[in-house]
């Protein structure tokens, strides 16, 4: 599980940990502990992937380059991430 990608995608989308946790139903402390201990549930990862608009597979080894290079399937998300304004 590539937990570092959670930080990459939340930062690119401008989503704070507090906002993400509110949307997935975890406390910030619970979320950080689950990341640290490698115990985030698949259900929570599915919600996170939906919020970040990425497939859950990127957290389990799909290359980010492969994901973003398939623009026909995924649209132009690289540009979308670069132009995203903070939500909070």
Protein backbone atom coordinates (compact mmCIF):
# COMPACT_ATOMS: atom_id res chain seq x y z
CA UNK A 1 0.00 0.00 0.00
CA UNK A 2 1.43 3.34 -1.08
CA UNK A 3 0.29 5.63 1.74
CA UNK A 4 2.58 8.40 0.52
CA UNK A 5 0.30 8.75 -2.51
CA UNK A 6 -2.54 9.78 -0.21
CA UNK A 7 -0.51 12.84 0.74
CA UNK A 8 0.42 13.54 -2.88
CA UNK A 9 -3.16 13.42 -4.14
CA UNK A 10 -4.71 15.32 -1.23
CA UNK A 11 -2.11 18.06 -1.62
CA UNK A 12 -2.65 18.27 -5.40
CA UNK A 13 -6.43 18.43 -4.90
CA UNK A 14 -6.06 21.00 -2.09
CA UNK A 15 -7.95 18.82 0.38
CA UNK A 16 -6.98 19.11 4.02
CA UNK A 17 -6.73 16.09 6.32
CA UNK A 18 -9.61 17.51 8.35
CA UNK A 19 -11.87 17.75 5.28
CA UNK A 20 -10.87 14.31 4.01
CA UNK A 21 -11.54 12.77 7.43
CA UNK A 22 -14.92 14.45 7.67
CA UNK A 23 -15.91 13.04 4.29
CA UNK A 24 -14.74 9.49 5.05
CA UNK A 25 -16.04 9.40 8.61
CA UNK A 26 -12.77 9.19 10.54
CA UNK A 27 -11.18 11.53 13.03
CA UNK A 28 -7.89 13.09 11.93
CA UNK A 29 -6.11 11.19 14.71
CA UNK A 30 -7.75 7.93 13.64
CA UNK A 31 -6.81 8.52 10.01
CA UNK A 32 -3.18 9.35 10.84
CA UNK A 33 -2.90 6.32 13.14
CA UNK A 34 -4.37 4.03 10.47
CA UNK A 35 -1.87 5.38 7.91
CA UNK A 36 1.04 4.98 10.31
CA UNK A 37 0.03 1.44 11.28
CA UNK A 38 -0.91 0.41 7.73
CA UNK A 39 -4.48 -0.37 8.82
CA UNK A 40 -6.71 1.78 6.60
CA UNK A 41 -9.72 -0.30 5.62
CA UNK A 42 -10.53 -0.94 1.97
CA UNK A 43 -13.90 0.75 2.54
CA UNK A 44 -12.09 3.93 3.63
CA UNK A 45 -9.66 3.72 0.73
CA UNK A 46 -12.58 3.39 -1.68
CA UNK A 47 -14.09 6.57 -0.25
CA UNK A 48 -10.74 8.36 -0.42
CA UNK A 49 -10.20 7.28 -4.03
CA UNK A 50 -13.66 8.56 -4.92
CA UNK A 51 -13.03 11.92 -3.23
CA UNK A 52 -9.62 12.26 -4.91
CA UNK A 53 -11.05 11.09 -8.25
CA UNK A 54 -8.45 8.35 -8.75
CA UNK A 55 -8.86 4.60 -9.01
CA UNK A 56 -8.12 2.72 -5.81
CA UNK A 57 -5.56 0.69 -7.77
CA UNK A 58 -3.05 3.58 -7.67
CA UNK A 59 -2.67 2.91 -3.94
CA UNK A 60 -1.81 -0.74 -4.64
CA UNK A 61 0.91 -0.46 -7.23
CA UNK A 62 -0.60 0.90 -10.44
CA UNK A 63 1.93 3.31 -11.83
CA UNK A 64 0.82 6.92 -11.61
CA UNK A 65 2.42 7.45 -15.00
CA UNK A 66 0.36 4.59 -16.47
CA UNK A 67 -2.78 5.99 -14.92
CA UNK A 68 -2.25 9.53 -16.17
CA UNK A 69 -0.97 8.49 -19.60
CA UNK A 70 -4.29 6.81 -20.39
CA UNK A 71 -6.14 10.05 -21.12
CA UNK A 72 -8.86 8.42 -23.21
CA UNK A 73 -9.99 6.39 -20.23
CA UNK A 74 -9.37 8.94 -17.47
CA UNK A 75 -9.63 12.36 -19.10
CA UNK A 76 -6.97 15.00 -18.62
CA UNK A 77 -6.56 14.63 -14.86
CA UNK A 78 -2.94 15.74 -14.88
CA UNK A 79 -4.00 19.23 -15.93
CA UNK A 80 -6.96 19.07 -13.54
CA UNK A 81 -4.64 18.32 -10.59
CA UNK A 82 -2.27 21.11 -11.58
CA UNK A 83 -5.10 23.63 -11.74
CA UNK A 84 -7.07 22.59 -8.65
CA UNK A 85 -7.69 25.29 -6.08
CA UNK A 86 -7.83 24.48 -2.33
CA UNK A 87 -11.27 23.40 -1.11
CA UNK A 88 -11.02 24.82 2.43
